[in-house]
Amino acid sequence: MEGTVQPDPMTRRGWVWLIAAGFSVSITGIIVGLQKAGPLCGSALMPQSRAAEIFDALRSRSRAAAECYRSVDSSAVPTWILIVLGIALVLAGVIIRVLSINRYAASAASPSVASQIQELVRLQRQGLISDEELNTRRAELLNRL
């Protein structure tokens, strides 16, 4: 179709890959977040370390629970970075898709220069515009190119 902007193949499929990558990164973050920080410890997404607390109660001067919670806190940083990065990638893919749809719709809605010139010729043949007006408008349309 003349006059319409066709998106390149990377733009057409790039948003899909961004969304897929975003979901993959988020799922990886969840998987990392569910890994236990230690043998008696919880994980970044499930930080309860009941086993370490019970161990501390049974053995005096044990600091297993404190170490567990410190390990859980340090493992939470990469977990949340991965989850947030994945969400950002998904949102970027959605935004790119919306913008490409809007751009394509705007270009498809505006008639091409050739169709506008054909319309001017039709109007001139019907006697609705003069030869001078046809030439002036045709020159204006061609100057826009």
N, C-alpha and C. Protein backbone atom coordinates (compact mmCIF):
# COMPACT_ATOMS: atom_id res chain seq x y z
N MET A 1 0.85 -1.16 0.00
CA MET A 1 0.00 0.00 0.00
C MET A 1 0.90 1.24 0.00
N GLU A 2 0.70 2.14 -0.97
CA GLU A 2 1.55 3.31 -1.09
C GLU A 2 1.17 4.35 -0.03
N GLY A 3 2.19 4.98 0.55
CA GLY A 3 1.95 6.05 1.51
C GLY A 3 1.84 5.59 2.95
N THR A 4 1.73 4.30 3.18
CA THR A 4 1.64 3.84 4.57
C THR A 4 3.00 3.36 5.03
N VAL A 5 3.25 3.53 6.29
CA VAL A 5 4.52 3.13 6.87
C VAL A 5 4.40 1.70 7.35
N GLN A 6 5.23 0.82 6.82
CA GLN A 6 5.26 -0.57 7.25
C GLN A 6 6.35 -0.72 8.30
N PRO A 7 6.03 -1.20 9.49
CA PRO A 7 7.07 -1.39 10.49
C PRO A 7 8.05 -2.47 10.06
N ASP A 8 9.31 -2.28 10.42
CA ASP A 8 10.30 -3.29 10.06
C ASP A 8 10.07 -4.56 10.89
N PRO A 9 10.59 -5.69 10.43
CA PRO A 9 10.33 -6.97 11.13
C PRO A 9 10.80 -6.98 12.58
N MET A 10 11.92 -6.30 12.89
CA MET A 10 12.40 -6.30 14.27
C MET A 10 11.43 -5.56 15.18
N THR A 11 10.84 -4.47 14.70
CA THR A 11 9.87 -3.74 15.51
C THR A 11 8.61 -4.57 15.69
N ARG A 12 8.23 -5.29 14.63
CA ARG A 12 7.01 -6.10 14.73
C ARG A 12 7.16 -7.22 15.74
N ARG A 13 8.35 -7.82 15.80
CA ARG A 13 8.54 -8.95 16.70
C ARG A 13 9.35 -8.61 17.94
N GLY A 14 9.99 -7.48 17.95
CA GLY A 14 10.84 -7.10 19.07
C GLY A 14 10.09 -6.98 20.38
N TRP A 15 8.88 -6.47 20.33
CA TRP A 15 8.11 -6.32 21.56
C TRP A 15 7.76 -7.67 22.15
N VAL A 16 7.54 -8.67 21.30
CA VAL A 16 7.22 -10.02 21.80
C VAL A 16 8.43 -10.58 22.55
N TRP A 17 9.62 -10.38 21.97
CA TRP A 17 10.84 -10.87 22.61
C TRP A 17 11.09 -10.14 23.93
N LEU A 18 10.80 -8.85 23.97
CA LEU A 18 10.98 -8.10 25.23
C LEU A 18 10.06 -8.65 26.32
N ILE A 19 8.82 -8.90 25.97
CA ILE A 19 7.87 -9.42 26.95
C ILE A 19 8.29 -10.83 27.40
N ALA A 20 8.70 -11.66 26.45
CA ALA A 20 9.15 -13.01 26.81
C ALA A 20 10.38 -12.95 27.71
N ALA A 21 11.32 -12.06 27.38
CA ALA A 21 12.52 -11.91 28.22
C ALA A 21 12.13 -11.40 29.61
N GLY A 22 11.18 -10.47 29.66
CA GLY A 22 10.74 -9.94 30.95
C GLY A 22 10.13 -11.02 31.84
N PHE A 23 9.27 -11.85 31.25
CA PHE A 23 8.70 -12.94 32.03
C PHE A 23 9.78 -13.92 32.48
N SER A 24 10.73 -14.20 31.59
CA SER A 24 11.81 -15.12 31.95
C SER A 24 12.65 -14.59 33.11
N VAL A 25 12.98 -13.30 33.05
CA VAL A 25 13.78 -12.70 34.12
C VAL A 25 13.00 -12.69 35.43
N SER A 26 11.71 -12.36 35.37
CA SER A 26 10.89 -12.36 36.59
C SER A 26 10.78 -13.76 37.19
N ILE A 27 10.57 -14.74 36.35
CA ILE A 27 10.48 -16.12 36.85
C ILE A 27 11.81 -16.56 37.45
N THR A 28 12.91 -16.17 36.81
CA THR A 28 14.22 -16.47 37.38
C THR A 28 14.36 -15.82 38.75
N GLY A 29 13.92 -14.59 38.88
CA GLY A 29 13.96 -13.90 40.18
C GLY A 29 13.15 -14.63 41.23
N ILE A 30 12.00 -15.14 40.84
CA ILE A 30 11.17 -15.89 41.80
C ILE A 30 11.85 -17.20 42.19
N ILE A 31 12.44 -17.87 41.21
CA ILE A 31 13.15 -19.13 41.51
C ILE A 31 14.33 -18.86 42.44
N VAL A 32 15.09 -17.80 42.14
CA VAL A 32 16.22 -17.44 43.01
C VAL A 32 15.71 -17.07 44.41
N GLY A 33 14.59 -16.37 44.45
CA GLY A 33 14.02 -15.96 45.73
C GLY A 33 13.48 -17.09 46.57
N LEU A 34 13.20 -18.22 45.97
CA LEU A 34 12.69 -19.37 46.72
C LEU A 34 13.80 -20.30 47.20
N GLN A 35 15.03 -20.05 46.77
CA GLN A 35 16.16 -20.88 47.21
C GLN A 35 16.49 -20.54 48.67
N LYS A 36 16.68 -21.56 49.47
CA LYS A 36 17.00 -21.34 50.88
C LYS A 36 18.38 -20.70 51.02
N ALA A 37 18.50 -19.80 51.98
CA ALA A 37 19.77 -19.09 52.21
C ALA A 37 20.75 -19.96 53.00
N GLY A 38 20.31 -21.02 53.55
CA GLY A 38 21.16 -21.92 54.33
C GLY A 38 20.38 -23.15 54.73
N PRO A 39 21.04 -24.13 55.34
CA PRO A 39 20.34 -25.39 55.68
C PRO A 39 19.19 -25.21 56.67
N LEU A 40 19.31 -24.27 57.59
CA LEU A 40 18.24 -24.03 58.57
C LEU A 40 17.46 -22.76 58.26
N CYS A 41 17.80 -22.12 57.16
CA CYS A 41 17.28 -20.78 56.86
C CYS A 41 16.11 -20.83 55.88
N GLY A 42 15.37 -19.74 55.88
CA GLY A 42 14.31 -19.54 54.91
C GLY A 42 14.90 -18.96 53.62
N SER A 43 14.04 -18.41 52.80
CA SER A 43 14.48 -17.82 51.53
C SER A 43 14.08 -16.35 51.49
N ALA A 44 14.50 -15.67 50.44
CA ALA A 44 14.18 -14.24 50.31
C ALA A 44 12.68 -14.01 50.20
N LEU A 45 11.97 -14.90 49.56
CA LEU A 45 10.52 -14.74 49.42
C LEU A 45 9.73 -15.41 50.54
N MET A 46 10.39 -16.29 51.28
CA MET A 46 9.76 -16.93 52.44
C MET A 46 10.79 -16.91 53.57
N PRO A 47 10.94 -15.76 54.24
CA PRO A 47 12.07 -15.57 55.15
C PRO A 47 11.98 -16.26 56.51
N GLN A 48 10.93 -16.98 56.81
CA GLN A 48 10.83 -17.62 58.11
C GLN A 48 11.92 -18.68 58.27
N SER A 49 12.68 -18.55 59.35
CA SER A 49 13.74 -19.50 59.66
C SER A 49 13.44 -20.17 61.01
N ARG A 50 12.32 -20.85 61.07
CA ARG A 50 11.88 -21.50 62.31
C ARG A 50 12.89 -22.54 62.80
N ALA A 51 13.46 -23.29 61.89
CA ALA A 51 14.42 -24.33 62.30
C ALA A 51 15.62 -23.71 63.00
N ALA A 52 16.10 -22.58 62.50
CA ALA A 52 17.24 -21.91 63.12
C ALA A 52 16.84 -21.34 64.48
N GLU A 53 15.64 -20.83 64.59
CA GLU A 53 15.17 -20.31 65.87
C GLU A 53 15.06 -21.43 66.91
N ILE A 54 14.56 -22.57 66.50
CA ILE A 54 14.46 -23.73 67.41
C ILE A 54 15.86 -24.20 67.81
N PHE A 55 16.78 -24.22 66.85
CA PHE A 55 18.16 -24.59 67.13
C PHE A 55 18.78 -23.65 68.15
N ASP A 56 18.52 -22.34 68.01
CA ASP A 56 19.01 -21.35 68.98
C ASP A 56 18.42 -21.60 70.37
N ALA A 57 17.15 -21.98 70.42
CA ALA A 57 16.50 -22.23 71.71
C ALA A 57 17.09 -23.47 72.38
N LEU A 58 17.48 -24.45 71.61
CA LEU A 58 18.03 -25.68 72.17
C LEU A 58 19.50 -25.54 72.55
N ARG A 59 20.24 -24.74 71.84
CA ARG A 59 21.67 -24.57 72.11
C ARG A 59 21.91 -23.13 72.51
N SER A 60 22.37 -22.93 73.68
CA SER A 60 22.67 -21.57 74.13
C SER A 60 23.87 -21.04 73.36
N ARG A 61 23.92 -19.74 73.20
CA ARG A 61 24.98 -19.02 72.49
C ARG A 61 25.05 -19.32 70.99
N SER A 62 24.08 -19.96 70.49
CA SER A 62 24.04 -20.19 69.04
C SER A 62 23.42 -18.96 68.38
N ARG A 63 23.96 -18.59 67.29
CA ARG A 63 23.44 -17.43 66.56
C ARG A 63 22.95 -17.85 65.17
N ALA A 64 22.42 -19.01 65.07
CA ALA A 64 21.99 -19.55 63.78
C ALA A 64 20.86 -18.71 63.18
N ALA A 65 19.91 -18.31 64.00
CA ALA A 65 18.78 -17.52 63.48
C ALA A 65 19.25 -16.17 62.98
N ALA A 66 20.14 -15.52 63.72
CA ALA A 66 20.65 -14.21 63.29
C ALA A 66 21.40 -14.33 61.97
N GLU A 67 22.21 -15.38 61.85
CA GLU A 67 22.94 -15.60 60.60
C GLU A 67 21.98 -15.90 59.45
N CYS A 68 20.96 -16.66 59.75
CA CYS A 68 19.98 -16.98 58.72
C CYS A 68 19.29 -15.72 58.20
N TYR A 69 18.82 -14.90 59.12
CA TYR A 69 18.12 -13.69 58.69
C TYR A 69 19.05 -12.73 57.95
N ARG A 70 20.32 -12.70 58.31
CA ARG A 70 21.29 -11.88 57.60
C ARG A 70 21.49 -12.43 56.18
N SER A 71 21.58 -13.73 56.06
CA SER A 71 21.73 -14.37 54.74
C SER A 71 20.49 -14.17 53.88
N VAL A 72 19.32 -14.26 54.51
CA VAL A 72 18.06 -14.05 53.78
C VAL A 72 18.00 -12.61 53.28
N ASP A 73 18.38 -11.67 54.13
CA ASP A 73 18.36 -10.26 53.71
C ASP A 73 19.30 -10.00 52.54
N SER A 74 20.48 -10.58 52.57
CA SER A 74 21.43 -10.35 51.47
C SER A 74 20.99 -11.06 50.19
N SER A 75 20.28 -12.17 50.30
CA SER A 75 19.81 -12.84 49.09
C SER A 75 18.54 -12.18 48.52
N ALA A 76 17.91 -11.32 49.28
CA ALA A 76 16.71 -10.64 48.80
C ALA A 76 17.03 -9.59 47.75
N VAL A 77 18.22 -8.99 47.81
CA VAL A 77 18.59 -7.93 46.87
C VAL A 77 18.58 -8.44 45.42
N PRO A 78 19.34 -9.49 45.08
CA PRO A 78 19.29 -9.94 43.68
C PRO A 78 17.91 -10.47 43.27
N THR A 79 17.20 -11.03 44.21
CA THR A 79 15.86 -11.53 43.90
C THR A 79 14.96 -10.41 43.42
N TRP A 80 14.90 -9.34 44.20
CA TRP A 80 14.02 -8.23 43.85
C TRP A 80 14.53 -7.46 42.64
N ILE A 81 15.83 -7.41 42.44
CA ILE A 81 16.37 -6.76 41.23
C ILE A 81 15.90 -7.53 40.00
N LEU A 82 15.98 -8.85 40.03
CA LEU A 82 15.53 -9.64 38.89
C LEU A 82 14.03 -9.50 38.63
N ILE A 83 13.25 -9.51 39.69
CA ILE A 83 11.79 -9.39 39.53
C ILE A 83 11.43 -8.02 38.96
N VAL A 84 12.03 -6.96 39.49
CA VAL A 84 11.72 -5.60 39.01
C VAL A 84 12.22 -5.42 37.58
N LEU A 85 13.41 -5.94 37.26
CA LEU A 85 13.93 -5.85 35.90
C LEU A 85 13.00 -6.58 34.93
N GLY A 86 12.51 -7.73 35.30
CA GLY A 86 11.57 -8.47 34.45
C GLY A 86 10.30 -7.69 34.21
N ILE A 87 9.76 -7.08 35.25
CA ILE A 87 8.54 -6.27 35.10
C ILE A 87 8.81 -5.08 34.20
N ALA A 88 9.97 -4.45 34.34
CA ALA A 88 10.33 -3.31 33.49
C ALA A 88 10.43 -3.74 32.02
N LEU A 89 10.99 -4.90 31.76
CA LEU A 89 11.08 -5.39 30.38
C LEU A 89 9.70 -5.67 29.80
N VAL A 90 8.82 -6.26 30.58
CA VAL A 90 7.46 -6.51 30.10
C VAL A 90 6.76 -5.19 29.79
N LEU A 91 6.87 -4.22 30.68
CA LEU A 91 6.25 -2.92 30.44
C LEU A 91 6.83 -2.23 29.22
N ALA A 92 8.15 -2.34 29.02
CA ALA A 92 8.78 -1.74 27.84
C ALA A 92 8.23 -2.39 26.57
N GLY A 93 8.07 -3.70 26.57
CA GLY A 93 7.50 -4.39 25.42
C GLY A 93 6.08 -3.96 25.13
N VAL A 94 5.28 -3.80 26.17
CA VAL A 94 3.89 -3.35 25.99
C VAL A 94 3.86 -1.92 25.46
N ILE A 95 4.72 -1.05 25.98
CA ILE A 95 4.75 0.34 25.51
C ILE A 95 5.17 0.40 24.05
N ILE A 96 6.18 -0.38 23.67
CA ILE A 96 6.61 -0.41 22.27
C ILE A 96 5.47 -0.87 21.38
N ARG A 97 4.75 -1.89 21.81
CA ARG A 97 3.62 -2.38 21.00
C ARG A 97 2.54 -1.33 20.85
N VAL A 98 2.19 -0.66 21.92
CA VAL A 98 1.14 0.37 21.87
C VAL A 98 1.57 1.51 20.95
N LEU A 99 2.84 1.93 21.06
CA LEU A 99 3.33 3.01 20.20
C LEU A 99 3.33 2.60 18.73
N SER A 100 3.71 1.36 18.45
CA SER A 100 3.72 0.92 17.05
C SER A 100 2.30 0.82 16.50
N ILE A 101 1.36 0.39 17.32
CA ILE A 101 -0.03 0.35 16.87
C ILE A 101 -0.53 1.75 16.58
N ASN A 102 -0.25 2.69 17.48
CA ASN A 102 -0.69 4.07 17.27
C ASN A 102 -0.05 4.69 16.03
N ARG A 103 1.25 4.43 15.83
CA ARG A 103 1.96 4.99 14.67
C ARG A 103 1.40 4.41 13.39
N TYR A 104 1.17 3.10 13.37
CA TYR A 104 0.63 2.45 12.17
C TYR A 104 -0.78 2.94 11.88
N ALA A 105 -1.60 3.09 12.93
CA ALA A 105 -2.97 3.56 12.73
C ALA A 105 -2.98 4.99 12.21
N ALA A 106 -2.08 5.82 12.70
CA ALA A 106 -2.02 7.21 12.25
C ALA A 106 -1.59 7.28 10.79
N SER A 107 -0.62 6.45 10.40
CA SER A 107 -0.16 6.48 9.02
C SER A 107 -1.19 5.86 8.09
N ALA A 108 -1.93 4.87 8.54
CA ALA A 108 -2.95 4.25 7.71
C ALA A 108 -4.16 5.16 7.56
N ALA A 109 -4.41 6.00 8.54
CA ALA A 109 -5.56 6.89 8.49
C ALA A 109 -5.34 8.04 7.51
N SER A 110 -4.11 8.50 7.33
CA SER A 110 -3.86 9.61 6.42
C SER A 110 -3.71 9.07 5.00
N PRO A 111 -4.41 9.70 4.05
CA PRO A 111 -4.33 9.22 2.67
C PRO A 111 -2.96 9.51 2.06
N SER A 112 -2.57 8.68 1.13
CA SER A 112 -1.27 8.86 0.49
C SER A 112 -1.32 10.07 -0.44
N VAL A 113 -0.13 10.55 -0.80
CA VAL A 113 -0.03 11.70 -1.70
C VAL A 113 -0.65 11.35 -3.06
N ALA A 114 -0.40 10.14 -3.52
CA ALA A 114 -0.94 9.72 -4.82
C ALA A 114 -2.46 9.73 -4.81
N SER A 115 -3.07 9.24 -3.74
CA SER A 115 -4.53 9.22 -3.68
C SER A 115 -5.09 10.64 -3.55
N GLN A 116 -4.37 11.52 -2.88
CA GLN A 116 -4.82 12.92 -2.79
C GLN A 116 -4.75 13.60 -4.15
N ILE A 117 -3.70 13.32 -4.91
CA ILE A 117 -3.59 13.91 -6.26
C ILE A 117 -4.69 13.35 -7.16
N GLN A 118 -4.97 12.05 -7.04
CA GLN A 118 -6.06 11.46 -7.83
C GLN A 118 -7.39 12.12 -7.49
N GLU A 119 -7.59 12.40 -6.22
CA GLU A 119 -8.82 13.08 -5.80
C GLU A 119 -8.89 14.49 -6.39
N LEU A 120 -7.77 15.19 -6.40
CA LEU A 120 -7.74 16.54 -7.00
C LEU A 120 -8.05 16.47 -8.49
N VAL A 121 -7.50 15.50 -9.20
CA VAL A 121 -7.77 15.35 -10.63
C VAL A 121 -9.25 15.05 -10.85
N ARG A 122 -9.82 14.22 -10.00
CA ARG A 122 -11.25 13.92 -10.11
C ARG A 122 -12.10 15.18 -9.91
N LEU A 123 -11.72 15.98 -8.90
CA LEU A 123 -12.45 17.23 -8.66
C LEU A 123 -12.30 18.19 -9.83
N GLN A 124 -11.14 18.23 -10.45
CA GLN A 124 -10.90 19.12 -11.58
C GLN A 124 -11.72 18.67 -12.79
N ARG A 125 -11.81 17.35 -13.00
CA ARG A 125 -12.59 16.82 -14.13
C ARG A 125 -14.07 17.09 -13.95
N GLN A 126 -14.52 17.11 -12.70
CA GLN A 126 -15.93 17.40 -12.43
C GLN A 126 -16.20 18.90 -12.48
N GLY A 127 -15.14 19.68 -12.61
CA GLY A 127 -15.31 21.12 -12.70
C GLY A 127 -15.44 21.80 -11.34
N LEU A 128 -15.11 21.11 -10.28
CA LEU A 128 -15.23 21.70 -8.94
C LEU A 128 -14.03 22.55 -8.55
N ILE A 129 -12.87 22.29 -9.19
CA ILE A 129 -11.69 23.15 -8.98
C ILE A 129 -11.08 23.46 -10.35
N SER A 130 -10.40 24.60 -10.41
CA SER A 130 -9.81 25.03 -11.70
C SER A 130 -8.47 24.33 -11.94
N ASP A 131 -7.96 24.50 -13.19
CA ASP A 131 -6.65 23.92 -13.52
C ASP A 131 -5.56 24.54 -12.66
N GLU A 132 -5.65 25.83 -12.43
CA GLU A 132 -4.64 26.51 -11.61
C GLU A 132 -4.65 25.97 -10.17
N GLU A 133 -5.85 25.80 -9.64
CA GLU A 133 -5.95 25.28 -8.27
C GLU A 133 -5.43 23.84 -8.19
N LEU A 134 -5.71 23.04 -9.22
CA LEU A 134 -5.19 21.67 -9.27
C LEU A 134 -3.66 21.69 -9.25
N ASN A 135 -3.07 22.53 -10.10
CA ASN A 135 -1.61 22.60 -10.17
C ASN A 135 -1.00 23.11 -8.87
N THR A 136 -1.63 24.07 -8.24
CA THR A 136 -1.13 24.63 -6.98
C THR A 136 -1.16 23.58 -5.87
N ARG A 137 -2.29 22.92 -5.73
CA ARG A 137 -2.42 21.90 -4.67
C ARG A 137 -1.52 20.70 -4.93
N ARG A 138 -1.38 20.31 -6.22
CA ARG A 138 -0.51 19.20 -6.56
C ARG A 138 0.95 19.55 -6.21
N ALA A 139 1.35 20.77 -6.48
CA ALA A 139 2.71 21.22 -6.15
C ALA A 139 2.93 21.20 -4.63
N GLU A 140 1.90 21.64 -3.87
CA GLU A 140 2.01 21.62 -2.41
C GLU A 140 2.17 20.19 -1.89
N LEU A 141 1.38 19.27 -2.45
CA LEU A 141 1.49 17.87 -2.02
C LEU A 141 2.86 17.28 -2.36
N LEU A 142 3.36 17.58 -3.56
CA LEU A 142 4.65 17.05 -3.96
C LEU A 142 5.79 17.67 -3.15
N ASN A 143 5.64 18.92 -2.71
CA ASN A 143 6.66 19.56 -1.88
C ASN A 143 6.75 18.93 -0.48
N ARG A 144 5.67 18.32 -0.02
CA ARG A 144 5.67 17.66 1.29
C ARG A 144 6.52 16.39 1.28
N LEU A 145 6.69 15.82 0.09
CA LEU A 145 7.50 14.59 0.00
C LEU A 145 8.91 14.90 0.21
